[in-house]
Protein backbone atom coordinates (compact mmCIF):
# COMPACT_ATOMS: atom_id res chain seq x y z
CA MET A 1 -11.14 19.38 -42.26
CA SER A 2 -13.02 16.08 -42.06
CA SER A 3 -16.59 17.25 -42.73
CA LYS A 4 -18.09 16.15 -46.05
CA LEU A 5 -20.09 18.92 -47.70
CA LYS A 6 -21.93 19.17 -50.94
CA ILE A 7 -21.01 22.43 -52.67
CA THR A 8 -24.36 24.12 -52.32
CA LYS A 9 -25.47 27.61 -51.45
CA GLU A 10 -26.40 26.46 -47.95
CA GLY A 11 -23.10 24.61 -47.57
CA LEU A 12 -21.10 27.66 -48.55
CA LYS A 13 -23.15 29.74 -46.14
CA ASP A 14 -22.34 27.32 -43.33
CA ILE A 15 -18.62 27.52 -44.13
CA ALA A 16 -18.71 31.34 -44.27
CA VAL A 17 -20.41 31.58 -40.89
CA THR A 18 -17.98 29.08 -39.39
CA VAL A 19 -14.92 30.93 -40.68
CA ASP A 20 -16.33 34.10 -39.15
CA SER A 21 -17.15 32.36 -35.86
CA TYR A 22 -15.76 34.07 -32.78
CA ARG A 23 -14.38 30.76 -31.54
CA ILE A 24 -12.44 30.16 -34.76
CA ARG A 25 -11.24 33.73 -35.16
CA VAL A 26 -9.83 33.95 -31.65
CA LEU A 27 -7.77 30.76 -32.11
CA ILE A 28 -6.39 32.06 -35.41
CA ASP A 29 -5.65 35.53 -34.03
CA ALA A 30 -3.89 34.14 -30.94
CA LYS A 31 -1.82 31.50 -32.74
CA GLN A 32 1.52 33.02 -31.76
CA GLU A 33 0.59 33.46 -28.09
CA ILE A 34 -0.54 29.83 -27.99
CA LEU A 35 2.67 28.53 -29.57
CA ASN A 36 4.83 30.78 -27.38
CA SER A 37 3.24 29.33 -24.23
CA GLY A 38 4.52 25.84 -25.14
CA VAL A 39 1.33 24.05 -24.02
CA TYR A 40 0.63 22.81 -27.55
CA ASP A 41 3.05 22.50 -30.45
CA GLU A 42 2.15 23.73 -33.94
CA GLU A 43 0.82 20.39 -35.14
CA GLN A 44 -1.39 20.06 -32.06
CA TYR A 45 -2.56 23.66 -32.46
CA HIS A 46 -3.72 22.96 -36.01
CA GLU A 47 -5.45 19.73 -34.98
CA ILE A 48 -7.38 21.62 -32.30
CA LEU A 49 -8.20 24.48 -34.69
CA PHE A 50 -9.52 22.25 -37.47
CA LYS A 51 -11.44 20.01 -35.06
CA MET A 52 -13.04 23.13 -33.60
CA PHE A 53 -13.84 24.21 -37.17
CA ASP A 54 -15.59 20.87 -37.80
CA GLU A 55 -17.55 21.22 -34.55
CA GLU A 56 -18.63 24.79 -35.34
CA LEU A 57 -19.54 23.83 -38.90
CA ILE A 58 -21.89 21.01 -37.91
CA LYS A 59 -23.36 23.22 -35.17
CA PHE A 60 -24.21 25.96 -37.65
CA LYS A 61 -25.64 23.36 -40.02
CA LEU A 62 -27.97 22.34 -37.20
CA TYR A 63 -28.89 25.98 -36.55
CA ASN A 64 -29.75 26.56 -40.22
CA PHE A 65 -31.71 23.30 -40.28
CA LEU A 66 -33.77 24.45 -37.29
CA THR A 67 -34.42 27.92 -38.75
CA ARG A 68 -36.19 26.48 -41.78
CA LYS A 69 -39.24 25.69 -39.62
CA LYS A 70 -40.92 27.74 -36.93
CA SER A 71 -40.89 24.84 -34.53
CA ASN A 72 -38.91 21.59 -34.27
CA ASP A 73 -39.12 18.43 -32.17
CA PHE A 74 -37.15 15.27 -31.39
CA LYS A 75 -38.20 13.75 -34.70
CA ALA A 76 -36.59 16.70 -36.51
CA LEU A 77 -33.35 16.18 -34.55
CA THR A 78 -33.36 12.51 -35.52
CA LYS A 79 -33.80 13.52 -39.17
CA PHE A 80 -30.83 15.91 -38.94
CA SER A 81 -28.71 13.17 -37.34
CA ASN A 82 -29.54 10.72 -40.12
CA GLU A 83 -28.92 13.26 -42.88
CA ASN A 84 -25.49 14.08 -41.47
CA SER A 85 -24.55 10.54 -40.37
CA ILE A 86 -24.01 11.50 -36.71
CA GLU A 87 -25.29 10.02 -33.46
CA ILE A 88 -28.35 11.61 -31.87
CA THR A 89 -26.22 12.31 -28.78
CA LYS A 90 -23.96 14.46 -30.97
CA THR A 91 -26.94 16.42 -32.25
CA LEU A 92 -28.24 16.89 -28.71
CA SER A 93 -24.86 18.15 -27.53
CA LEU A 94 -24.88 20.73 -30.34
CA LEU A 95 -28.44 21.65 -29.42
CA GLU A 96 -27.21 22.40 -25.90
CA LEU A 97 -24.55 24.74 -27.30
CA LEU A 98 -27.06 26.59 -29.47
CA LYS A 99 -29.35 26.96 -26.47
CA ASN A 100 -26.57 28.38 -24.31
CA GLU A 101 -25.54 30.73 -27.12
CA ASN A 102 -29.13 32.07 -27.10
CA LEU A 103 -29.65 31.10 -30.74
CA ILE A 104 -32.57 28.82 -29.90
CA ALA A 105 -35.07 28.14 -27.12
CA VAL A 106 -35.68 24.54 -26.06
CA ASN A 107 -38.70 23.42 -24.08
CA GLU A 108 -38.49 19.87 -22.79
CA ILE A 109 -41.84 18.10 -22.45
CA TYR A 110 -42.27 15.25 -19.96
CA ASP A 111 -45.06 12.85 -19.06
CA GLU A 112 -45.79 12.37 -15.36
CA VAL A 113 -47.11 8.97 -14.32
CA GLU A 114 -48.53 8.83 -10.80
CA GLY A 115 -47.32 6.09 -8.53
CA ASP A 116 -48.91 4.08 -5.75
CA GLU A 117 -47.74 2.15 -2.69
CA ASN A 118 -46.17 -0.50 -4.91
CA THR A 119 -44.99 1.57 -7.88
CA PRO A 120 -43.01 4.81 -7.63
CA ALA A 121 -44.07 7.87 -9.61
CA LEU A 122 -42.39 8.05 -12.99
CA THR A 123 -41.27 10.96 -15.16
CA THR A 124 -40.55 10.14 -18.80
CA PHE A 125 -39.29 12.32 -21.63
CA LYS A 126 -41.93 12.97 -24.29
CA ASP A 127 -40.60 15.53 -26.76
CA PHE A 128 -38.86 18.83 -27.49
CA ASP A 129 -40.40 22.08 -28.63
CA ILE A 130 -37.53 23.98 -30.29
CA LYS A 131 -37.73 27.52 -31.62
CA SER A 132 -34.86 29.38 -33.30
CA PHE A 133 -34.08 33.09 -33.05
CA ASP A 134 -33.05 35.37 -35.90
CA VAL A 135 -29.52 36.07 -34.66
CA ASN A 136 -26.21 36.37 -36.52
CA PRO A 137 -24.31 33.29 -35.23
CA SER A 138 -20.89 34.77 -36.03
CA LYS A 139 -21.47 37.47 -33.41
CA VAL A 140 -21.90 34.95 -30.60
CA LYS A 141 -19.17 35.24 -28.01
CA SER A 142 -20.82 36.21 -24.74
CA ILE A 143 -21.00 32.69 -23.33
CA TYR A 144 -17.37 31.87 -24.20
CA GLU A 145 -16.03 34.05 -21.48
CA PRO A 146 -13.10 33.08 -19.24
CA VAL A 147 -14.08 30.91 -16.28
CA GLU A 148 -13.26 33.81 -13.99
CA ILE A 149 -17.02 34.38 -13.96
CA ILE A 150 -17.42 30.84 -12.55
CA PHE A 151 -14.78 31.53 -9.87
CA GLU A 152 -16.32 34.83 -8.79
CA THR A 153 -19.91 33.59 -8.53
CA HIS A 154 -19.13 30.62 -6.24
CA ASN A 155 -19.90 27.99 -8.89
CA CYS A 156 -16.40 26.54 -9.34
CA SER A 157 -16.02 22.84 -8.58
CA GLY A 158 -12.25 23.17 -8.26
CA CYS A 159 -11.69 20.22 -10.62
CA GLY A 160 -8.74 21.90 -12.35
CA LEU A 161 -9.60 20.95 -15.95
CA CYS A 162 -9.57 24.59 -17.06
CA VAL A 163 -5.92 24.75 -15.93
CA GLY A 164 -5.16 21.42 -17.59
CA ILE A 165 -6.30 22.55 -21.06
CA CYS A 166 -5.61 26.33 -21.08
CA PRO A 167 -3.55 27.04 -24.24
CA VAL A 168 -1.63 29.95 -22.72
CA ASN A 169 -1.12 28.90 -19.06
CA CYS A 170 -3.15 31.79 -17.67
CA LEU A 171 -5.20 29.87 -15.09
CA GLU A 172 -4.56 28.45 -11.63
CA VAL A 173 -6.80 26.63 -9.16
CA TYR A 174 -5.60 26.12 -5.61
CA ASN A 175 -7.41 25.18 -2.40
CA GLY A 176 -10.73 25.34 -4.26
CA PHE A 177 -10.24 28.86 -5.59
CA GLY A 178 -9.40 29.88 -9.14
CA LYS A 179 -7.38 32.78 -10.47
CA ILE A 180 -6.76 34.11 -13.98
CA ASP A 181 -3.88 36.14 -15.40
CA GLU A 182 -5.76 38.78 -17.39
CA GLU A 183 -2.65 39.84 -19.31
CA LYS A 184 -2.04 36.34 -20.65
CA CYS A 185 -5.69 35.40 -21.32
CA ILE A 186 -6.65 35.35 -25.03
CA ARG A 187 -10.41 35.03 -24.38
CA CYS A 188 -10.62 31.77 -26.36
CA GLY A 189 -13.34 30.37 -24.10
CA LEU A 190 -11.89 26.84 -24.09
CA CYS A 191 -11.97 26.86 -20.29
CA TYR A 192 -15.67 27.70 -20.34
CA TYR A 193 -16.21 25.02 -23.00
CA VAL A 194 -14.96 22.17 -20.79
CA CYS A 195 -16.05 23.53 -17.39
CA PRO A 196 -18.66 21.31 -15.67
CA ARG A 197 -20.18 24.36 -13.99
CA SER A 198 -20.70 26.59 -17.05
CA TYR A 199 -23.20 24.30 -18.76
CA LEU A 200 -23.54 20.53 -18.48
CA PRO A 201 -25.81 18.52 -20.83
CA VAL A 202 -26.75 15.95 -18.18
CA SER A 203 -29.19 14.04 -20.38
CA VAL A 204 -26.49 13.64 -23.05
CA LEU A 205 -23.95 12.48 -20.45
CA ASN A 206 -26.43 9.87 -19.24
CA MET A 207 -27.17 8.69 -22.78
CA VAL A 208 -23.47 8.31 -23.54
CA GLN A 209 -22.96 6.39 -20.29
CA GLU A 210 -25.73 3.95 -21.14
CA GLY A 211 -24.99 3.85 -24.87
CA THR A 212 -28.61 4.61 -25.74
CA SER A 213 -30.34 6.87 -28.26
CA GLU A 214 -33.27 7.44 -25.91
CA ILE A 215 -33.61 10.34 -23.48
CA LYS A 216 -34.43 8.93 -20.05
CA THR A 217 -34.70 10.02 -16.48
CA TYR A 218 -32.31 8.10 -14.24
CA SER A 219 -32.31 6.83 -10.69
CA LYS A 220 -30.90 8.75 -7.75
CA VAL A 221 -27.43 7.28 -8.33
CA GLY A 222 -27.42 7.55 -12.13
CA GLN A 223 -26.98 4.91 -14.82
CA TYR A 224 -25.18 1.74 -13.72
CA LEU A 225 -24.84 -1.81 -14.98
CA GLU A 226 -23.94 -3.66 -11.78
CA ALA A 227 -23.56 -2.88 -8.07
CA TYR A 228 -21.22 -4.57 -5.59
CA SER A 229 -19.73 -4.39 -2.15
CA ALA A 230 -16.04 -5.26 -2.18
CA ARG A 231 -12.70 -5.08 -0.40
CA THR A 232 -9.11 -5.62 -1.44
CA LYS A 233 -7.08 -8.78 -0.87
CA ILE A 234 -3.77 -6.94 -1.28
CA ASP A 235 -2.30 -6.67 2.22
CA GLU A 236 -0.26 -3.48 1.75
CA ILE A 237 -3.31 -1.66 0.38
CA ALA A 238 -5.60 -3.05 3.09
CA LYS A 239 -3.27 -1.67 5.78
CA SER A 240 -3.37 1.90 4.47
CA CYS A 241 -6.69 2.32 2.65
CA GLN A 242 -9.68 4.34 3.87
CA ASP A 243 -12.32 1.62 3.53
CA GLY A 244 -12.18 -1.33 1.13
CA GLY A 245 -9.20 -0.20 -0.95
CA ILE A 246 -10.91 -0.86 -4.29
CA THR A 247 -9.69 2.35 -5.93
CA SER A 248 -6.08 1.51 -5.13
CA THR A 249 -6.60 -2.08 -6.24
CA CYS A 250 -7.91 -0.89 -9.61
CA LEU A 251 -4.72 1.10 -10.11
CA HIS A 252 -2.58 -1.80 -8.86
CA TYR A 253 -4.06 -4.10 -11.50
CA LEU A 254 -3.84 -1.52 -14.31
CA PHE A 255 -0.18 -0.81 -13.59
CA ASP A 256 0.69 -4.46 -13.04
CA ALA A 257 -0.95 -5.49 -16.33
CA LYS A 258 0.79 -2.58 -18.09
CA ILE A 259 -2.58 -1.27 -19.27
CA ILE A 260 -1.83 2.25 -18.06
CA ASP A 261 1.39 4.24 -17.84
CA ILE A 262 0.11 7.03 -15.61
CA ALA A 263 -2.63 7.70 -13.07
CA LEU A 264 -3.75 11.06 -11.76
CA GLY A 265 -4.83 11.30 -8.14
CA ALA A 266 -4.23 13.17 -4.89
CA LYS A 267 -1.64 12.88 -2.16
CA MET A 268 -0.87 14.78 1.02
CA SER A 269 1.54 17.67 0.62
CA LYS A 270 4.22 18.62 3.14
CA THR A 271 1.59 20.75 4.87
CA PRO A 272 -0.41 18.40 7.16
CA TRP A 273 -3.72 17.38 5.54
CA ARG A 274 -3.43 19.77 2.61
CA PRO A 275 -3.69 17.57 -0.51
CA GLU A 276 -2.05 18.19 -3.86
CA PRO A 277 -2.30 16.51 -7.27
CA ILE A 278 0.00 13.56 -7.87
CA ILE A 279 1.09 11.80 -11.04
CA LEU A 280 1.40 8.09 -10.22
CA GLU A 281 3.88 6.26 -12.43
CA ASN A 282 3.96 2.76 -10.92
CA LYS A 283 2.46 0.44 -8.31
CA ASP A 284 4.72 1.76 -5.56
CA ASP A 285 3.29 5.28 -5.97
CA ILE A 286 -0.23 4.05 -5.20
CA LEU A 287 0.33 3.99 -1.45
CA LEU A 288 1.13 7.73 -1.59
CA SER A 289 -2.46 8.42 -2.65
CA THR A 290 -4.48 6.14 -0.34
CA GLY A 291 -7.06 7.57 2.05
CA THR A 292 -9.82 10.14 1.62
CA LYS A 293 -9.00 13.84 1.43
CA TYR A 294 -11.85 16.20 2.25
CA VAL A 295 -9.99 19.35 1.20
CA ASN A 296 -10.59 20.37 -2.41
CA ASN A 297 -7.84 19.31 -4.81
CA PRO A 298 -7.60 20.12 -8.57
CA ASN A 299 -6.39 16.73 -9.85
CA LEU A 300 -7.11 17.57 -13.50
CA LYS A 301 -4.67 20.47 -13.67
CA SER A 302 -1.87 17.91 -14.16
CA LEU A 303 -3.25 16.90 -17.57
CA SER A 304 -1.33 19.68 -19.31
CA GLU A 305 1.87 17.72 -18.69
CA PHE A 306 0.75 14.97 -21.10
CA ASN A 307 0.18 16.91 -24.31
CA LYS A 308 3.68 16.07 -25.50
CA ARG A 309 4.06 12.77 -23.70
CA LYS A 310 2.37 9.62 -24.96
CA ALA A 311 0.74 7.74 -22.09
CA ASN A 312 -2.33 5.67 -21.30
CA ILE A 313 -3.93 7.49 -18.38
CA ALA A 314 -6.33 6.60 -15.57
CA VAL A 315 -7.89 9.46 -13.62
CA VAL A 316 -9.12 9.09 -10.06
CA GLY A 317 -11.40 11.90 -8.96
CA VAL A 318 -14.63 13.15 -7.45
CA PRO A 319 -17.95 13.65 -9.32
CA CYS A 320 -17.19 17.10 -10.75
CA MET A 321 -13.97 15.76 -12.28
CA MET A 322 -15.79 12.85 -13.89
CA GLN A 323 -18.40 15.27 -15.26
CA ALA A 324 -15.66 17.50 -16.68
CA LEU A 325 -13.92 14.57 -18.39
CA LEU A 326 -17.08 13.13 -19.91
CA LYS A 327 -18.23 16.58 -21.08
CA ALA A 328 -14.81 17.16 -22.67
CA ASP A 329 -15.09 13.76 -24.38
CA ILE A 330 -18.52 14.61 -25.79
CA TYR A 331 -17.25 18.00 -27.01
CA ASN A 332 -13.94 16.54 -28.16
CA ILE A 333 -11.65 19.06 -29.89
CA ASN A 334 -8.50 16.92 -30.01
CA ILE A 335 -6.78 18.12 -26.87
CA PRO A 336 -3.95 15.54 -26.74
CA ALA A 337 -3.93 14.77 -23.00
CA LEU A 338 -7.70 14.27 -22.86
CA ASN A 339 -7.58 11.79 -25.73
CA GLN A 340 -5.15 9.62 -23.76
CA ILE A 341 -7.51 9.00 -20.83
CA LYS A 342 -8.54 5.33 -20.77
CA TYR A 343 -10.23 5.02 -17.35
CA ARG A 344 -12.40 7.37 -15.28
CA ILE A 345 -12.44 6.09 -11.69
CA GLY A 346 -14.95 8.12 -9.69
CA ILE A 347 -15.12 8.63 -5.94
CA PHE A 348 -18.28 9.34 -3.95
CA CYS A 349 -18.37 12.91 -2.64
CA MET A 350 -20.97 14.87 -0.67
CA GLU A 351 -18.97 18.11 -0.46
CA SER A 352 -15.43 19.39 0.09
CA PHE A 353 -13.76 21.90 2.37
CA SER A 354 -11.11 24.53 1.98
CA TYR A 355 -7.94 23.93 3.97
CA GLU A 356 -8.87 26.79 6.29
CA SER A 357 -12.21 25.10 6.99
CA LEU A 358 -10.45 21.84 7.87
CA LEU A 359 -8.28 23.76 10.34
CA LYS A 360 -11.45 25.25 11.81
CA ILE A 361 -12.92 21.75 12.28
CA CYS A 362 -9.75 20.68 14.06
CA GLU A 363 -10.03 23.76 16.25
CA LEU A 364 -13.63 22.85 17.15
CA LEU A 365 -12.42 19.36 18.11
CA ASN A 366 -9.46 20.82 20.02
CA VAL A 367 -6.89 18.84 18.04
CA ASP A 368 -3.75 19.97 16.22
CA VAL A 369 -3.92 19.12 12.52
CA SER A 370 -0.39 17.69 12.69
CA ASN A 371 -1.70 15.07 15.16
CA VAL A 372 -4.44 13.84 12.78
CA LYS A 373 -3.94 10.30 11.45
CA LYS A 374 -7.20 9.81 9.55
CA THR A 375 -10.46 11.62 8.79
CA ASP A 376 -13.80 10.13 7.81
CA ILE A 377 -17.46 11.04 7.32
CA ASN A 378 -19.94 8.40 8.43
CA LYS A 379 -23.39 8.20 10.03
CA GLY A 380 -23.88 11.95 9.90
CA LYS A 381 -20.63 12.73 11.71
CA PHE A 382 -17.14 13.96 10.84
CA PHE A 383 -14.56 11.67 12.47
CA VAL A 384 -10.96 12.55 13.31
CA TYR A 385 -8.58 9.81 14.42
CA THR A 386 -5.37 11.03 16.04
CA LYS A 387 -1.86 9.62 16.17
CA SER A 388 -2.37 9.31 19.93
CA ASN A 389 -5.30 6.90 19.25
CA ASP A 390 -8.13 9.30 20.09
CA GLU A 391 -11.41 9.21 18.17
CA LEU A 392 -13.07 12.63 17.93
CA THR A 393 -16.41 13.40 16.27
CA ILE A 394 -18.60 16.35 15.41
CA PRO A 395 -22.05 16.22 13.75
CA ILE A 396 -21.99 17.22 10.09
CA LYS A 397 -24.86 19.64 10.71
CA GLU A 398 -22.56 21.63 13.02
CA ILE A 399 -19.86 22.05 10.36
CA GLY A 400 -21.99 22.12 7.22
CA HIS A 401 -21.53 25.89 6.98
CA LEU A 402 -17.77 25.35 6.66
CA ALA A 403 -18.10 23.37 3.41
CA ARG A 404 -17.33 25.16 0.15
CA GLU A 405 -20.31 27.17 -1.03
CA ASP A 406 -19.39 26.19 -4.59
CA CYS A 407 -20.09 22.52 -3.77
CA GLU A 408 -23.73 23.30 -3.03
CA VAL A 409 -24.47 23.55 -6.76
CA CYS A 410 -23.35 19.93 -7.30
CA PHE A 411 -26.12 17.31 -7.62
CA ASP A 412 -23.92 14.22 -7.96
CA LEU A 413 -22.98 12.08 -4.94
CA THR A 414 -21.78 8.93 -6.70
CA SER A 415 -19.68 10.07 -9.70
CA GLU A 416 -22.38 9.26 -12.24
CA SER A 417 -20.08 10.17 -15.16
CA ALA A 418 -17.31 7.68 -14.27
CA ASP A 419 -16.56 4.25 -15.73
CA ILE A 420 -16.58 2.81 -12.22
CA SER A 421 -17.71 4.60 -9.04
CA ILE A 422 -16.36 3.77 -5.58
CA GLY A 423 -17.32 4.88 -2.08
CA SER A 424 -18.29 3.57 1.33
CA ILE A 425 -21.98 4.48 1.67
CA GLY A 426 -24.15 1.38 1.64
CA SER A 427 -21.42 -1.13 2.52
CA PRO A 428 -20.29 -2.51 5.89
CA SER A 429 -17.27 -0.98 7.60
CA GLY A 430 -14.06 -1.90 5.80
CA TRP A 431 -15.81 -2.46 2.48
CA ASN A 432 -16.46 -0.30 -0.60
CA THR A 433 -19.66 0.17 -2.54
CA VAL A 434 -18.89 -0.15 -6.26
CA LEU A 435 -21.17 0.94 -9.10
CA ILE A 436 -20.19 -0.27 -12.58
CA ARG A 437 -21.22 2.44 -15.07
CA THR A 438 -19.78 1.42 -18.45
CA GLU A 439 -18.42 -1.63 -20.25
CA VAL A 440 -14.92 -0.25 -19.60
CA GLY A 441 -15.63 -0.21 -15.87
CA LYS A 442 -17.26 -3.64 -16.00
CA ASP A 443 -14.25 -5.21 -17.70
CA LEU A 444 -11.90 -3.63 -15.16
CA TYR A 445 -13.88 -4.82 -12.13
CA HIS A 446 -14.21 -8.39 -13.38
CA LYS A 447 -10.48 -8.49 -14.08
CA LEU A 448 -9.97 -7.74 -10.35
CA ILE A 449 -12.13 -10.76 -9.52
CA GLU A 450 -10.47 -13.01 -12.10
CA ASN A 451 -7.02 -12.15 -10.71
CA ASP A 452 -8.16 -12.80 -7.12
CA LEU A 453 -7.37 -9.22 -6.07
CA ILE A 454 -10.68 -8.50 -4.32
CA GLU A 455 -13.47 -10.07 -2.34
CA SER A 456 -16.80 -9.17 -3.97
CA LYS A 457 -20.49 -9.47 -3.08
CA GLU A 458 -23.64 -8.25 -4.78
CA LEU A 459 -24.64 -4.96 -3.14
CA SER A 460 -28.13 -6.44 -2.65
CA GLU A 461 -26.60 -9.01 -0.28
CA VAL A 462 -25.26 -6.49 2.24
CA LYS A 463 -26.74 -3.95 4.64
CA PRO A 464 -27.55 -1.09 4.53
CA GLY A 465 -27.06 -1.50 0.78
CA LEU A 466 -28.50 0.50 -2.10
CA PRO A 467 -31.46 2.03 -0.18
CA LEU A 468 -29.15 4.09 2.03
CA LEU A 469 -27.02 5.14 -0.93
CA GLU A 470 -30.10 6.25 -2.87
CA LYS A 471 -31.43 8.10 0.17
CA ILE A 472 -28.26 10.14 0.63
CA ALA A 473 -27.93 10.71 -3.14
CA LYS A 474 -31.47 12.11 -3.13
CA ILE A 475 -30.61 14.38 -0.21
CA LYS A 476 -27.70 15.84 -2.20
CA LYS A 477 -29.82 16.34 -5.33
CA ASN A 478 -32.55 18.08 -3.31
CA LYS A 479 -30.01 20.26 -1.54
CA CYS A 480 -28.51 21.24 -4.89
CA LYS A 481 -31.92 22.11 -6.34
CA LYS A 482 -32.75 24.33 -3.36
CA HIS A 483 -29.43 26.14 -3.64
CA ILE A 484 -29.82 26.72 -7.38
CA ASP A 485 -33.43 27.87 -6.91
CA LYS A 486 -32.16 30.39 -4.37
CA LYS A 487 -29.55 31.64 -6.83
CA LYS A 488 -32.29 32.03 -9.45
CA GLU A 489 -34.49 34.00 -7.05
CA GLU A 490 -31.59 36.31 -6.21
CA ASN A 491 -30.68 36.67 -9.90
CA LEU A 492 -27.26 35.13 -9.30
CA ARG A 493 -25.33 32.97 -11.72
CA PHE A 494 -25.90 29.21 -11.49
CA PRO A 495 -24.75 26.15 -13.51
CA ARG A 496 -26.89 25.20 -16.51
CA TYR A 497 -27.66 21.49 -16.09
C-alpha cells in the first residue's frame, strides 16, 4: 500500500470502508479463479489488488471530505487535492466515480457568452455545486456490473479493452458484438471500470491531454497542439496506403528506431474484407495493416497477451479505443499490458459497420466482396474500387441505417484522446490530416520530418483544411447528442459522458 495516512479516527474509518468495499472484496474472494485463468500471475494479482485498494481509499477519503459540508465547489476540490498531494485531475476522476456510484450529485455551472458576426459564442466552466448523500459506501456495487449490460443496450464501441483486461477470460468481442461467459464471470466490474461507454469523464480526459488544471470547453476536434497535412515518402507504404500513409510511417519509424517492440492494429482476415486484430512485430508486418477497414474490429483484445511479456507498445485505433486507453490510464490499477503502452495513434472515424452490413452494401452495388480492392468514404459517398478497375459509389445517406447502432452514441470523429490523430478529412487526395495532441505525439511527428520520412505542410495552407474537418466533427457530435437524447426520452441506457 503506497498511501500515507495519519493514524486518526477518520483515517481508520477510511481504511475500514475500503477493506469492506465491494470492489476489494470481490478481488480477494476470486483470487483462485483469477490465478487459475492464467491472465495474471500472483505478483501481478497483488499489484492490481493493492493499487485498487489505494484508489478506493483515496476515493472514500474524498467522499468523507465532501460529507463534512452540505455543499462543495471547485475550490473545495482544490483544497482536497492540496491536502492529499494529488493532481486536481485525479480528484476530478474520483469525483466522477462517486457521482456514478450515486454517492454524490454534481451540478456543473457554466457561463454563456454571446457571440457576434466576428466572435463565436463561448461557453466557459464556472463552478461545481456538489452535494453528498448519506449512503454506506461499502454497499456500492450496482454500477460495477459486467459489461454485458453495455452489449445488450447497443452502447458497445467494440474496442475490445474489456476482453484485453478481463482477469478470468470470460469475455469476447467479435464483429462489433460482445458476449460473456456467465459461469466464468466473477463480477469484479473491471470491464465496466475501463469501458469507454459505461462512463467517460470527458473533461478530465481533455485536461490530461492538455496538461492543464483548468476545466475548459474544447473545439469541435478537441485539444491539439499543431495541425498538418502530410504524406509519406516511403515508396512501399505509398503504394499500399489508403491516403497519405502517415500512420504506417509512424510505425515504420518507431520500429526502425527500436523505440517500440510491438504495435497493435488491424489486418484483413482470410474472409474477404473481414478485419481481425494483428500484433505487428517489425517493419515488414506494417504492410499487412495498411488501408482503412470500415468493419468493426476489437484491436484492444490483444493486450492480454502482453501481461507476461515485456514490450514497448504502440496502439493504432479508432476514437473509442483511444478513449478507452486514456480512461484506463487515468484510472490506472497496474494492469501490466496497459502500463507498457507508449504511443496512442488515433484514426478518424465517423462510424463502423458489421461484416453483414458491408456485404449488404456490396449487394446494393452489385459487386462480390471478393472482387473488392479498396473501400473509401469521401464527399458524402461510400466508394468501392474493384479488382477489375471499376469505381462504384453509393451516397452515405442511403446506407446510414446499415451502420452499427452502437456507434451513434460516439461523439468523437478525430480521436481526441490520442497522442497523434490521423485521417483524410480536410486534406487533398493522397494526403493525411494530422492533429498533434500531446508532447509525445509532437515529438514523434517531428522525428518523421527530421528523418525525411514525410512531406509536411501546415493544415492552414491546404484546402479544404480545418473548416471542413470541424464541420464534419460538429455533425457527428450533434448526431450523437440527438441519439443520446432519444435514449433518455425512451428511458434506455446511454453512456455517461
